[in-house]
């Protein structure tokens, strides 16, 4: 299951690291403690909308762009989950029992 706070933290961390900036630099500019910013980036804490706006300003990242990036990540994760559910429901990925492995192995060899 995807957690919004983890995806949000990943986007913020990747942006910061892509700029070659430290947690200390961004936290000072965003008026946020270094430890709290670190927890946000790791998806351990949920930041208020005011704090997110402050962090985005410190990163020179429009809040709308950050939210769009997070939405894109969630869309990908949901699509993958839907696809996996369909595969499992259609029986294409059912686990094999020990006896079935031998039968299937023989079928593969005989087909060759």
PDB file of N, CA and C in Angstrom:
ATOM      1  N   UNK A   1       0.840  -1.176   0.000  1.00  0.00           N
ATOM      2  CA  UNK A   1       0.000   0.000   0.000  1.00  0.00           C
ATOM      3  C   UNK A   1       0.890   1.247   0.000  1.00  0.00           C
ATOM      4  N   UNK A   2       0.559   2.157  -0.851  1.00  0.00           N
ATOM      5  CA  UNK A   2       1.323   3.395  -0.956  1.00  0.00           C
ATOM      6  C   UNK A   2       0.857   4.364   0.121  1.00  0.00           C
ATOM      7  N   UNK A   3       1.815   5.041   0.724  1.00  0.00           N
ATOM      8  CA  UNK A   3       1.495   6.079   1.689  1.00  0.00           C
ATOM      9  C   UNK A   3       1.848   7.429   1.093  1.00  0.00           C
ATOM     10  N   UNK A   4       0.915   8.339   1.158  1.00  0.00           N
ATOM     11  CA  UNK A   4       1.112   9.674   0.608  1.00  0.00           C
ATOM     12  C   UNK A   4       2.333  10.337   1.215  1.00  0.00           C
ATOM     13  N   UNK A   5       2.502  10.199   2.534  1.00  0.00           N
ATOM     14  CA  UNK A   5       3.622  10.880   3.183  1.00  0.00           C
ATOM     15  C   UNK A   5       4.982  10.353   2.710  1.00  0.00           C
ATOM     16  N   UNK A   6       5.051   9.072   2.358  1.00  0.00           N
ATOM     17  CA  UNK A   6       6.325   8.528   1.855  1.00  0.00           C
ATOM     18  C   UNK A   6       6.644   9.075   0.476  1.00  0.00           C
ATOM     19  N   UNK A   7       5.644   9.109  -0.391  1.00  0.00           N
ATOM     20  CA  UNK A   7       5.854   9.636  -1.741  1.00  0.00           C
ATOM     21  C   UNK A   7       6.209  11.116  -1.690  1.00  0.00           C
ATOM     22  N   UNK A   8       5.531  11.839  -0.832  1.00  0.00           N
ATOM     23  CA  UNK A   8       5.806  13.257  -0.666  1.00  0.00           C
ATOM     24  C   UNK A   8       7.240  13.467  -0.178  1.00  0.00           C
ATOM     25  N   UNK A   9       7.636  12.689   0.797  1.00  0.00           N
ATOM     26  CA  UNK A   9       9.002  12.775   1.316  1.00  0.00           C
ATOM     27  C   UNK A   9      10.040  12.433   0.268  1.00  0.00           C
ATOM     28  N   UNK A  10       9.743  11.420  -0.553  1.00  0.00           N
ATOM     29  CA  UNK A  10      10.675  11.038  -1.619  1.00  0.00           C
ATOM     30  C   UNK A  10      10.859  12.172  -2.623  1.00  0.00           C
ATOM     31  N   UNK A  11       9.761  12.819  -2.988  1.00  0.00           N
ATOM     32  CA  UNK A  11       9.848  13.938  -3.944  1.00  0.00           C
ATOM     33  C   UNK A  11      10.674  15.073  -3.346  1.00  0.00           C
ATOM     34  N   UNK A  12      10.425  15.403  -2.091  1.00  0.00           N
ATOM     35  CA  UNK A  12      11.184  16.488  -1.452  1.00  0.00           C
ATOM     36  C   UNK A  12      12.670  16.129  -1.360  1.00  0.00           C
ATOM     37  N   UNK A  13      12.975  14.910  -0.943  1.00  0.00           N
ATOM     38  CA  UNK A  13      14.381  14.494  -0.813  1.00  0.00           C
ATOM     39  C   UNK A  13      15.081  14.501  -2.167  1.00  0.00           C
ATOM     40  N   UNK A  14      14.430  13.927  -3.180  1.00  0.00           N
ATOM     41  CA  UNK A  14      15.050  13.877  -4.509  1.00  0.00           C
ATOM     42  C   UNK A  14      15.289  15.284  -5.056  1.00  0.00           C
ATOM     43  N   UNK A  15      14.367  16.188  -4.792  1.00  0.00           N
ATOM     44  CA  UNK A  15      14.544  17.573  -5.241  1.00  0.00           C
ATOM     45  C   UNK A  15      15.729  18.209  -4.536  1.00  0.00           C
ATOM     46  N   UNK A  16      15.776  18.054  -3.224  1.00  0.00           N
ATOM     47  CA  UNK A  16      16.870  18.632  -2.441  1.00  0.00           C
ATOM     48  C   UNK A  16      18.218  18.068  -2.875  1.00  0.00           C
ATOM     49  N   UNK A  17      18.297  16.762  -2.985  1.00  0.00           N
ATOM     50  CA  UNK A  17      19.556  16.132  -3.374  1.00  0.00           C
ATOM     51  C   UNK A  17      19.944  16.499  -4.803  1.00  0.00           C
ATOM     52  N   UNK A  18      18.950  16.623  -5.670  1.00  0.00           N
ATOM     53  CA  UNK A  18      19.219  17.030  -7.041  1.00  0.00           C
ATOM     54  C   UNK A  18      19.811  18.428  -7.127  1.00  0.00           C
ATOM     55  N   UNK A  19      19.498  19.246  -6.140  1.00  0.00           N
ATOM     56  CA  UNK A  19      20.052  20.601  -6.073  1.00  0.00           C
ATOM     57  C   UNK A  19      21.400  20.621  -5.356  1.00  0.00           C
ATOM     58  N   UNK A  20      21.808  19.477  -4.841  1.00  0.00           N
ATOM     59  CA  UNK A  20      23.079  19.396  -4.124  1.00  0.00           C
ATOM     60  C   UNK A  20      23.041  20.121  -2.788  1.00  0.00           C
ATOM     61  N   UNK A  21      21.863  20.167  -2.180  1.00  0.00           N
ATOM     62  CA  UNK A  21      21.712  20.891  -0.914  1.00  0.00           C
ATOM     63  C   UNK A  21      21.603  19.915   0.253  1.00  0.00           C
ATOM     64  N   UNK A  22      21.963  20.394   1.424  1.00  0.00           N
ATOM     65  CA  UNK A  22      21.909  19.575   2.627  1.00  0.00           C
ATOM     66  C   UNK A  22      20.589  19.792   3.361  1.00  0.00           C
ATOM     67  N   UNK A  23      20.271  18.856   4.237  1.00  0.00           N
ATOM     68  CA  UNK A  23      19.110  19.020   5.112  1.00  0.00           C
ATOM     69  C   UNK A  23      19.246  20.302   5.929  1.00  0.00           C
ATOM     70  N   UNK A  24      20.451  20.561   6.397  1.00  0.00           N
ATOM     71  CA  UNK A  24      20.701  21.741   7.225  1.00  0.00           C
ATOM     72  C   UNK A  24      20.362  23.032   6.469  1.00  0.00           C
ATOM     73  N   UNK A  25      20.797  23.117   5.221  1.00  0.00           N
ATOM     74  CA  UNK A  25      20.523  24.316   4.423  1.00  0.00           C
ATOM     75  C   UNK A  25      19.028  24.532   4.211  1.00  0.00           C
ATOM     76  N   UNK A  26      18.355  23.478   3.798  1.00  0.00           N
ATOM     77  CA  UNK A  26      16.928  23.603   3.494  1.00  0.00           C
ATOM     78  C   UNK A  26      16.115  23.831   4.760  1.00  0.00           C
ATOM     79  N   UNK A  27      16.453  23.135   5.829  1.00  0.00           N
ATOM     80  CA  UNK A  27      15.689  23.310   7.070  1.00  0.00           C
ATOM     81  C   UNK A  27      15.837  24.732   7.611  1.00  0.00           C
ATOM     82  N   UNK A  28      17.027  25.299   7.505  1.00  0.00           N
ATOM     83  CA  UNK A  28      17.233  26.676   7.975  1.00  0.00           C
ATOM     84  C   UNK A  28      16.397  27.652   7.151  1.00  0.00           C
ATOM     85  N   UNK A  29      16.395  27.469   5.843  1.00  0.00           N
ATOM     86  CA  UNK A  29      15.650  28.374   4.973  1.00  0.00           C
ATOM     87  C   UNK A  29      14.138  28.193   5.123  1.00  0.00           C
ATOM     88  N   UNK A  30      13.712  26.984   5.429  1.00  0.00           N
ATOM     89  CA  UNK A  30      12.283  26.695   5.575  1.00  0.00           C
ATOM     90  C   UNK A  30      11.787  26.954   7.000  1.00  0.00           C
ATOM     91  N   UNK A  31      12.691  27.328   7.909  1.00  0.00           N
ATOM     92  CA  UNK A  31      12.341  27.559   9.319  1.00  0.00           C
ATOM     93  C   UNK A  31      11.709  26.294   9.922  1.00  0.00           C
ATOM     94  N   UNK A  32      12.400  25.190   9.724  1.00  0.00           N
ATOM     95  CA  UNK A  32      11.950  23.879  10.190  1.00  0.00           C
ATOM     96  C   UNK A  32      13.163  23.197  10.808  1.00  0.00           C
ATOM     97  N   UNK A  33      12.959  22.435  11.845  1.00  0.00           N
ATOM     98  CA  UNK A  33      14.112  21.761  12.440  1.00  0.00           C
ATOM     99  C   UNK A  33      14.659  20.713  11.474  1.00  0.00           C
ATOM    100  N   UNK A  34      15.950  20.515  11.522  1.00  0.00           N
ATOM    101  CA  UNK A  34      16.615  19.547  10.672  1.00  0.00           C
ATOM    102  C   UNK A  34      16.027  18.152  10.895  1.00  0.00           C
ATOM    103  N   UNK A  35      15.841  17.783  12.134  1.00  0.00           N
ATOM    104  CA  UNK A  35      15.304  16.456  12.458  1.00  0.00           C
ATOM    105  C   UNK A  35      13.904  16.248  11.917  1.00  0.00           C
ATOM    106  N   UNK A  36      13.075  17.284  12.020  1.00  0.00           N
ATOM    107  CA  UNK A  36      11.697  17.166  11.534  1.00  0.00           C
ATOM    108  C   UNK A  36      11.677  17.058  10.008  1.00  0.00           C
ATOM    109  N   UNK A  37      12.507  17.859   9.328  1.00  0.00           N
ATOM    110  CA  UNK A  37      12.582  17.770   7.872  1.00  0.00           C
ATOM    111  C   UNK A  37      13.058  16.379   7.454  1.00  0.00           C
ATOM    112  N   UNK A  38      14.014  15.835   8.175  1.00  0.00           N
ATOM    113  CA  UNK A  38      14.495  14.492   7.886  1.00  0.00           C
ATOM    114  C   UNK A  38      13.365  13.466   8.031  1.00  0.00           C
ATOM    115  N   UNK A  39      12.568  13.597   9.080  1.00  0.00           N
ATOM    116  CA  UNK A  39      11.443  12.679   9.291  1.00  0.00           C
ATOM    117  C   UNK A  39      10.401  12.819   8.182  1.00  0.00           C
ATOM    118  N   UNK A  40      10.176  14.035   7.709  1.00  0.00           N
ATOM    119  CA  UNK A  40       9.239  14.255   6.606  1.00  0.00           C
ATOM    120  C   UNK A  40       9.760  13.577   5.354  1.00  0.00           C
ATOM    121  N   UNK A  41      11.041  13.766   5.061  1.00  0.00           N
ATOM    122  CA  UNK A  41      11.631  13.160   3.871  1.00  0.00           C
ATOM    123  C   UNK A  41      11.593  11.634   3.924  1.00  0.00           C
ATOM    124  N   UNK A  42      11.684  11.056   5.105  1.00  0.00           N
ATOM    125  CA  UNK A  42      11.635   9.597   5.242  1.00  0.00           C
ATOM    126  C   UNK A  42      10.209   9.071   5.318  1.00  0.00           C
ATOM    127  N   UNK A  43       9.225   9.967   5.278  1.00  0.00           N
ATOM    128  CA  UNK A  43       7.831   9.553   5.325  1.00  0.00           C
ATOM    129  C   UNK A  43       7.363   9.154   6.698  1.00  0.00           C
ATOM    130  N   UNK A  44       8.077   9.585   7.722  1.00  0.00           N
ATOM    131  CA  UNK A  44       7.721   9.229   9.090  1.00  0.00           C
ATOM    132  C   UNK A  44       6.773  10.242   9.728  1.00  0.00           C
ATOM    133  N   UNK A  45       6.770  11.464   9.227  1.00  0.00           N
ATOM    134  CA  UNK A  45       5.901  12.525   9.757  1.00  0.00           C
ATOM    135  C   UNK A  45       5.123  13.150   8.617  1.00  0.00           C
ATOM    136  N   UNK A  46       3.930  13.629   8.946  1.00  0.00           N
ATOM    137  CA  UNK A  46       3.114  14.356   7.975  1.00  0.00           C
ATOM    138  C   UNK A  46       3.208  15.833   8.290  1.00  0.00           C
ATOM    139  N   UNK A  47       3.627  16.603   7.312  1.00  0.00           N
ATOM    140  CA  UNK A  47       3.793  18.045   7.500  1.00  0.00           C
ATOM    141  C   UNK A  47       2.472  18.759   7.225  1.00  0.00           C
ATOM    142  N   UNK A  48       2.288  19.878   7.906  1.00  0.00           N
ATOM    143  CA  UNK A  48       1.120  20.719   7.634  1.00  0.00           C
ATOM    144  C   UNK A  48       1.273  21.347   6.256  1.00  0.00           C
ATOM    145  N   UNK A  49       0.172  21.843   5.723  1.00  0.00           N
ATOM    146  CA  UNK A  49       0.233  22.496   4.412  1.00  0.00           C
ATOM    147  C   UNK A  49       1.121  23.739   4.463  1.00  0.00           C
ATOM    148  N   UNK A  50       1.118  24.432   5.600  1.00  0.00           N
ATOM    149  CA  UNK A  50       1.971  25.615   5.749  1.00  0.00           C
ATOM    150  C   UNK A  50       3.444  25.233   5.708  1.00  0.00           C
ATOM    151  N   UNK A  51       3.797  24.153   6.397  1.00  0.00           N
ATOM    152  CA  UNK A  51       5.188  23.725   6.418  1.00  0.00           C
ATOM    153  C   UNK A  51       5.613  23.209   5.039  1.00  0.00           C
ATOM    154  N   UNK A  52       4.723  22.476   4.370  1.00  0.00           N
ATOM    155  CA  UNK A  52       5.046  22.012   3.013  1.00  0.00           C
ATOM    156  C   UNK A  52       5.305  23.193   2.084  1.00  0.00           C
ATOM    157  N   UNK A  53       4.486  24.223   2.207  1.00  0.00           N
ATOM    158  CA  UNK A  53       4.680  25.418   1.380  1.00  0.00           C
ATOM    159  C   UNK A  53       6.023  26.061   1.688  1.00  0.00           C
ATOM    160  N   UNK A  54       6.401  26.103   2.949  1.00  0.00           N
ATOM    161  CA  UNK A  54       7.683  26.684   3.347  1.00  0.00           C
ATOM    162  C   UNK A  54       8.858  25.866   2.818  1.00  0.00           C
ATOM    163  N   UNK A  55       8.750  24.555   2.896  1.00  0.00           N
ATOM    164  CA  UNK A  55       9.811  23.680   2.383  1.00  0.00           C
ATOM    165  C   UNK A  55       9.924  23.835   0.868  1.00  0.00           C
ATOM    166  N   UNK A  56       8.804  23.868   0.194  1.00  0.00           N
ATOM    167  CA  UNK A  56       8.822  24.039  -1.265  1.00  0.00           C
ATOM    168  C   UNK A  56       9.435  25.382  -1.652  1.00  0.00           C
ATOM    169  N   UNK A  57       9.114  26.434  -0.910  1.00  0.00           N
ATOM    170  CA  UNK A  57       9.733  27.751  -1.184  1.00  0.00           C
ATOM    171  C   UNK A  57      11.246  27.663  -1.012  1.00  0.00           C
ATOM    172  N   UNK A  58      11.682  26.984   0.045  1.00  0.00           N
ATOM    173  CA  UNK A  58      13.117  26.846   0.301  1.00  0.00           C
ATOM    174  C   UNK A  58      13.804  26.073  -0.831  1.00  0.00           C
ATOM    175  N   UNK A  59      13.069  25.158  -1.440  1.00  0.00           N
ATOM    176  CA  UNK A  59      13.615  24.362  -2.543  1.00  0.00           C
ATOM    177  C   UNK A  59      13.378  25.016  -3.904  1.00  0.00           C
ATOM    178  N   UNK A  60      12.726  26.174  -3.901  1.00  0.00           N
ATOM    179  CA  UNK A  60      12.356  26.848  -5.152  1.00  0.00           C
ATOM    180  C   UNK A  60      11.573  25.883  -6.042  1.00  0.00           C
ATOM    181  N   UNK A  61      10.647  25.178  -5.412  1.00  0.00           N
ATOM    182  CA  UNK A  61       9.815  24.180  -6.075  1.00  0.00           C
ATOM    183  C   UNK A  61       8.361  24.595  -5.877  1.00  0.00           C
ATOM    184  N   UNK A  62       7.651  24.909  -6.952  1.00  0.00           N
ATOM    185  CA  UNK A  62       6.240  25.265  -6.776  1.00  0.00           C
ATOM    186  C   UNK A  62       5.484  24.133  -6.076  1.00  0.00           C
ATOM    187  N   UNK A  63       4.667  24.511  -5.113  1.00  0.00           N
ATOM    188  CA  UNK A  63       3.884  23.528  -4.373  1.00  0.00           C
ATOM    189  C   UNK A  63       3.049  22.686  -5.337  1.00  0.00           C
ATOM    190  N   UNK A  64       2.496  23.317  -6.347  1.00  0.00           N
ATOM    191  CA  UNK A  64       1.675  22.588  -7.323  1.00  0.00           C
ATOM    192  C   UNK A  64       2.510  21.551  -8.070  1.00  0.00           C
ATOM    193  N   UNK A  65       3.756  21.850  -8.369  1.00  0.00           N
ATOM    194  CA  UNK A  65       4.630  20.893  -9.063  1.00  0.00           C
ATOM    195  C   UNK A  65       4.954  19.709  -8.161  1.00  0.00           C
ATOM    196  N   UNK A  66       5.236  19.995  -6.892  1.00  0.00           N
ATOM    197  CA  UNK A  66       5.519  18.915  -5.944  1.00  0.00           C
ATOM    198  C   UNK A  66       4.303  17.998  -5.824  1.00  0.00           C
ATOM    199  N   UNK A  67       3.113  18.575  -5.703  1.00  0.00           N
ATOM    200  CA  UNK A  67       1.904  17.767  -5.575  1.00  0.00           C
ATOM    201  C   UNK A  67       1.635  16.977  -6.855  1.00  0.00           C
ATOM    202  N   UNK A  68       1.936  17.566  -7.999  1.00  0.00           N
ATOM    203  CA  UNK A  68       1.774  16.872  -9.279  1.00  0.00           C
ATOM    204  C   UNK A  68       2.731  15.679  -9.370  1.00  0.00           C
ATOM    205  N   UNK A  69       3.979  15.883  -8.926  1.00  0.00           N
ATOM    206  CA  UNK A  69       4.955  14.790  -8.927  1.00  0.00           C
ATOM    207  C   UNK A  69       4.504  13.647  -8.022  1.00  0.00           C
ATOM    208  N   UNK A  70       3.969  14.006  -6.862  1.00  0.00           N
ATOM    209  CA  UNK A  70       3.470  12.988  -5.929  1.00  0.00           C
ATOM    210  C   UNK A  70       2.285  12.253  -6.552  1.00  0.00           C
ATOM    211  N   UNK A  71       1.385  12.995  -7.191  1.00  0.00           N
ATOM    212  CA  UNK A  71       0.215  12.375  -7.836  1.00  0.00           C
ATOM    213  C   UNK A  71       0.655  11.412  -8.933  1.00  0.00           C
ATOM    214  N   UNK A  72       1.668  11.790  -9.715  1.00  0.00           N
ATOM    215  CA  UNK A  72       2.173  10.905 -10.768  1.00  0.00           C
ATOM    216  C   UNK A  72       2.690   9.601 -10.182  1.00  0.00           C
ATOM    217  N   UNK A  73       3.422   9.696  -9.075  1.00  0.00           N
ATOM    218  CA  UNK A  73       3.948   8.490  -8.426  1.00  0.00           C
ATOM    219  C   UNK A  73       2.819   7.599  -7.921  1.00  0.00           C
ATOM    220  N   UNK A  74       1.799   8.216  -7.336  1.00  0.00           N
ATOM    221  CA  UNK A  74       0.673   7.446  -6.831  1.00  0.00           C
ATOM    222  C   UNK A  74      -0.095   6.788  -7.973  1.00  0.00           C
ATOM    223  N   UNK A  75      -0.242   7.495  -9.088  1.00  0.00           N
ATOM    224  CA  UNK A  75      -0.918   6.913 -10.252  1.00  0.00           C
ATOM    225  C   UNK A  75      -0.188   5.672 -10.741  1.00  0.00           C
ATOM    226  N   UNK A  76       1.125   5.746 -10.817  1.00  0.00           N
ATOM    227  CA  UNK A  76       1.913   4.592 -11.245  1.00  0.00           C
ATOM    228  C   UNK A  76       1.740   3.418 -10.284  1.00  0.00           C
ATOM    229  N   UNK A  77       1.793   3.711  -8.997  1.00  0.00           N
ATOM    230  CA  UNK A  77       1.665   2.655  -7.991  1.00  0.00           C
ATOM    231  C   UNK A  77       0.276   2.017  -8.042  1.00  0.00           C
ATOM    232  N   UNK A  78      -0.761   2.840  -8.216  1.00  0.00           N
ATOM    233  CA  UNK A  78      -2.117   2.306  -8.294  1.00  0.00           C
ATOM    234  C   UNK A  78      -2.298   1.459  -9.549  1.00  0.00           C
ATOM    235  N   UNK A  79      -1.731   1.901 -10.658  1.00  0.00           N
ATOM    236  CA  UNK A  79      -1.835   1.136 -11.901  1.00  0.00           C
ATOM    237  C   UNK A  79      -1.141  -0.219 -11.745  1.00  0.00           C
ATOM    238  N   UNK A  80       0.026  -0.220 -11.128  1.00  0.00           N
ATOM    239  CA  UNK A  80       0.750  -1.476 -10.909  1.00  0.00           C
ATOM    240  C   UNK A  80      -0.041  -2.398  -9.993  1.00  0.00           C
ATOM    241  N   UNK A  81      -0.643  -1.833  -8.956  1.00  0.00           N
ATOM    242  CA  UNK A  81      -1.433  -2.641  -8.030  1.00  0.00           C
ATOM    243  C   UNK A  81      -2.655  -3.228  -8.728  1.00  0.00           C
ATOM    244  N   UNK A  82      -3.306  -2.433  -9.563  1.00  0.00           N
ATOM    245  CA  UNK A  82      -4.462  -2.907 -10.314  1.00  0.00           C
ATOM    246  C   UNK A  82      -4.068  -4.026 -11.267  1.00  0.00           C
ATOM    247  N   UNK A  83      -2.944  -3.855 -11.924  1.00  0.00           N
ATOM    248  CA  UNK A  83      -2.457  -4.863 -12.853  1.00  0.00           C
ATOM    249  C   UNK A  83      -2.122  -6.164 -12.119  1.00  0.00           C
ATOM    250  N   UNK A  84      -1.469  -6.056 -10.983  1.00  0.00           N
ATOM    251  CA  UNK A  84      -1.114  -7.238 -10.202  1.00  0.00           C
ATOM    252  C   UNK A  84      -2.374  -7.944  -9.701  1.00  0.00           C
ATOM    253  N   UNK A  85      -3.358  -7.186  -9.261  1.00  0.00           N
ATOM    254  CA  UNK A  85      -4.612  -7.771  -8.792  1.00  0.00           C
ATOM    255  C   UNK A  85      -5.296  -8.525  -9.922  1.00  0.00           C
ATOM    256  N   UNK A  86      -5.292  -7.953 -11.121  1.00  0.00           N
ATOM    257  CA  UNK A  86      -5.906  -8.615 -12.268  1.00  0.00           C
ATOM    258  C   UNK A  86      -5.186  -9.922 -12.580  1.00  0.00           C
ATOM    259  N   UNK A  87      -3.875  -9.914 -12.543  1.00  0.00           N
ATOM    260  CA  UNK A  87      -3.098 -11.123 -12.812  1.00  0.00           C
ATOM    261  C   UNK A  87      -3.435 -12.190 -11.784  1.00  0.00           C
ATOM    262  N   UNK A  88      -3.492 -11.809 -10.531  1.00  0.00           N
ATOM    263  CA  UNK A  88      -3.790 -12.785  -9.474  1.00  0.00           C
ATOM    264  C   UNK A  88      -5.215 -13.301  -9.580  1.00  0.00           C
ATOM    265  N   UNK A  89      -6.154 -12.415  -9.903  1.00  0.00           N
ATOM    266  CA  UNK A  89      -7.555 -12.831 -10.017  1.00  0.00           C
ATOM    267  C   UNK A  89      -7.798 -13.730 -11.213  1.00  0.00           C
ATOM    268  N   UNK A  90      -7.034 -13.556 -12.261  1.00  0.00           N
ATOM    269  CA  UNK A  90      -7.201 -14.378 -13.459  1.00  0.00           C
ATOM    270  C   UNK A  90      -6.455 -15.709 -13.333  1.00  0.00           C
ATOM    271  N   UNK A  91      -5.741 -15.892 -12.245  1.00  0.00           N
ATOM    272  CA  UNK A  91      -5.064 -17.157 -12.011  1.00  0.00           C
ATOM    273  C   UNK A  91      -3.766 -17.319 -12.756  1.00  0.00           C
ATOM    274  N   UNK A  92      -3.224 -16.224 -13.262  1.00  0.00           N
ATOM    275  CA  UNK A  92      -1.981 -16.332 -14.014  1.00  0.00           C
ATOM    276  C   UNK A  92      -0.765 -16.424 -13.106  1.00  0.00           C
ATOM    277  N   UNK A  93      -0.937 -16.156 -11.852  1.00  0.00           N
ATOM    278  CA  UNK A  93       0.202 -16.168 -10.942  1.00  0.00           C
ATOM    279  C   UNK A  93      -0.102 -16.993  -9.696  1.00  0.00           C
ATOM    280  N   UNK A  94      -0.839 -18.069  -9.880  1.00  0.00           N
ATOM    281  CA  UNK A  94      -1.141 -18.936  -8.743  1.00  0.00           C
ATOM    282  C   UNK A  94       0.104 -19.689  -8.305  1.00  0.00           C
ATOM    283  N   UNK A  95       0.285 -19.848  -7.012  1.00  0.00           N
ATOM    284  CA  UNK A  95       1.451 -20.604  -6.542  1.00  0.00           C
ATOM    285  C   UNK A  95       1.332 -22.075  -6.936  1.00  0.00           C
ATOM    286  N   UNK A  96       2.457 -22.678  -7.242  1.00  0.00           N
ATOM    287  CA  UNK A  96       2.498 -24.092  -7.605  1.00  0.00           C
ATOM    288  C   UNK A  96       2.708 -24.942  -6.363  1.00  0.00           C
ATOM    289  N   UNK A  97       2.095 -26.101  -6.368  1.00  0.00           N
ATOM    290  CA  UNK A  97       2.346 -27.077  -5.308  1.00  0.00           C
ATOM    291  C   UNK A  97       3.506 -27.954  -5.751  1.00  0.00           C
ATOM    292  N   UNK A  98       4.128 -28.612  -4.812  1.00  0.00           N
ATOM    293  CA  UNK A  98       5.318 -29.416  -5.098  1.00  0.00           C
ATOM    294  C   UNK A  98       5.086 -30.409  -6.241  1.00  0.00           C
ATOM    295  N   UNK A  99       3.966 -31.128  -6.234  1.00  0.00           N
ATOM    296  CA  UNK A  99       3.683 -32.121  -7.264  1.00  0.00           C
ATOM    297  C   UNK A  99       3.511 -31.504  -8.650  1.00  0.00           C
ATOM    298  N   UNK A 100       3.036 -30.288  -8.705  1.00  0.00           N
ATOM    299  CA  UNK A 100       2.813 -29.627  -9.990  1.00  0.00           C
ATOM    300  C   UNK A 100       4.133 -29.246 -10.661  1.00  0.00           C
ATOM    301  N   UNK A 101       5.158 -29.008  -9.893  1.00  0.00           N
ATOM    302  CA  UNK A 101       6.435 -28.597 -10.458  1.00  0.00           C
ATOM    303  C   UNK A 101       6.988 -29.706 -11.350  1.00  0.00           C
ATOM    304  N   UNK A 102       6.936 -30.923 -10.899  1.00  0.00           N
ATOM    305  CA  UNK A 102       7.458 -32.049 -11.680  1.00  0.00           C
ATOM    306  C   UNK A 102       6.670 -32.208 -12.972  1.00  0.00           C
ATOM    307  N   UNK A 103       5.348 -32.140 -12.898  1.00  0.00           N
ATOM    308  CA  UNK A 103       4.507 -32.277 -14.087  1.00  0.00           C
ATOM    309  C   UNK A 103       4.835 -31.170 -15.077  1.00  0.00           C
ATOM    310  N   UNK A 104       4.940 -29.962 -14.627  1.00  0.00           N
ATOM    311  CA  UNK A 104       5.223 -28.840 -15.517  1.00  0.00           C
ATOM    312  C   UNK A 104       6.624 -28.948 -16.108  1.00  0.00           C
ATOM    313  N   UNK A 105       7.576 -29.390 -15.326  1.00  0.00           N
ATOM    314  CA  UNK A 105       8.943 -29.557 -15.820  1.00  0.00           C
ATOM    315  C   UNK A 105       8.951 -30.584 -16.953  1.00  0.00           C
ATOM    316  N   UNK A 106       8.207 -31.697 -16.774  1.00  0.00           N
ATOM    317  CA  UNK A 106       8.118 -32.714 -17.813  1.00  0.00           C
ATOM    318  C   UNK A 106       7.462 -32.157 -19.079  1.00  0.00           C
ATOM    319  N   UNK A 107       6.479 -31.309 -18.924  1.00  0.00           N
ATOM    320  CA  UNK A 107       5.803 -30.709 -20.064  1.00  0.00           C
ATOM    321  C   UNK A 107       6.756 -29.800 -20.834  1.00  0.00           C
ATOM    322  N   UNK A 108       7.575 -29.054 -20.113  1.00  0.00           N
ATOM    323  CA  UNK A 108       8.524 -28.162 -20.764  1.00  0.00           C
ATOM    324  C   UNK A 108       9.560 -28.965 -21.526  1.00  0.00           C
ATOM    325  N   UNK A 109      10.076 -30.035 -20.910  1.00  0.00           N
ATOM    326  CA  UNK A 109      11.082 -30.872 -21.565  1.00  0.00           C
ATOM    327  C   UNK A 109      10.491 -31.541 -22.798  1.00  0.00           C
ATOM    328  N   UNK A 110       9.270 -32.057 -22.694  1.00  0.00           N
ATOM    329  CA  UNK A 110       8.673 -32.749 -23.832  1.00  0.00           C
ATOM    330  C   UNK A 110       8.322 -31.775 -24.956  1.00  0.00           C
ATOM    331  N   UNK A 111       8.077 -30.554 -24.645  1.00  0.00           N
ATOM    332  CA  UNK A 111       7.758 -29.556 -25.657  1.00  0.00           C
ATOM    333  C   UNK A 111       9.000 -29.162 -26.449  1.00  0.00           C
ATOM    334  N   UNK A 112      10.152 -29.322 -25.845  1.00  0.00           N
ATOM    335  CA  UNK A 112      11.415 -28.942 -26.506  1.00  0.00           C
ATOM    336  C   UNK A 112      11.752 -29.980 -27.510  1.00  0.00           C
TER     337      UNK A 112
END
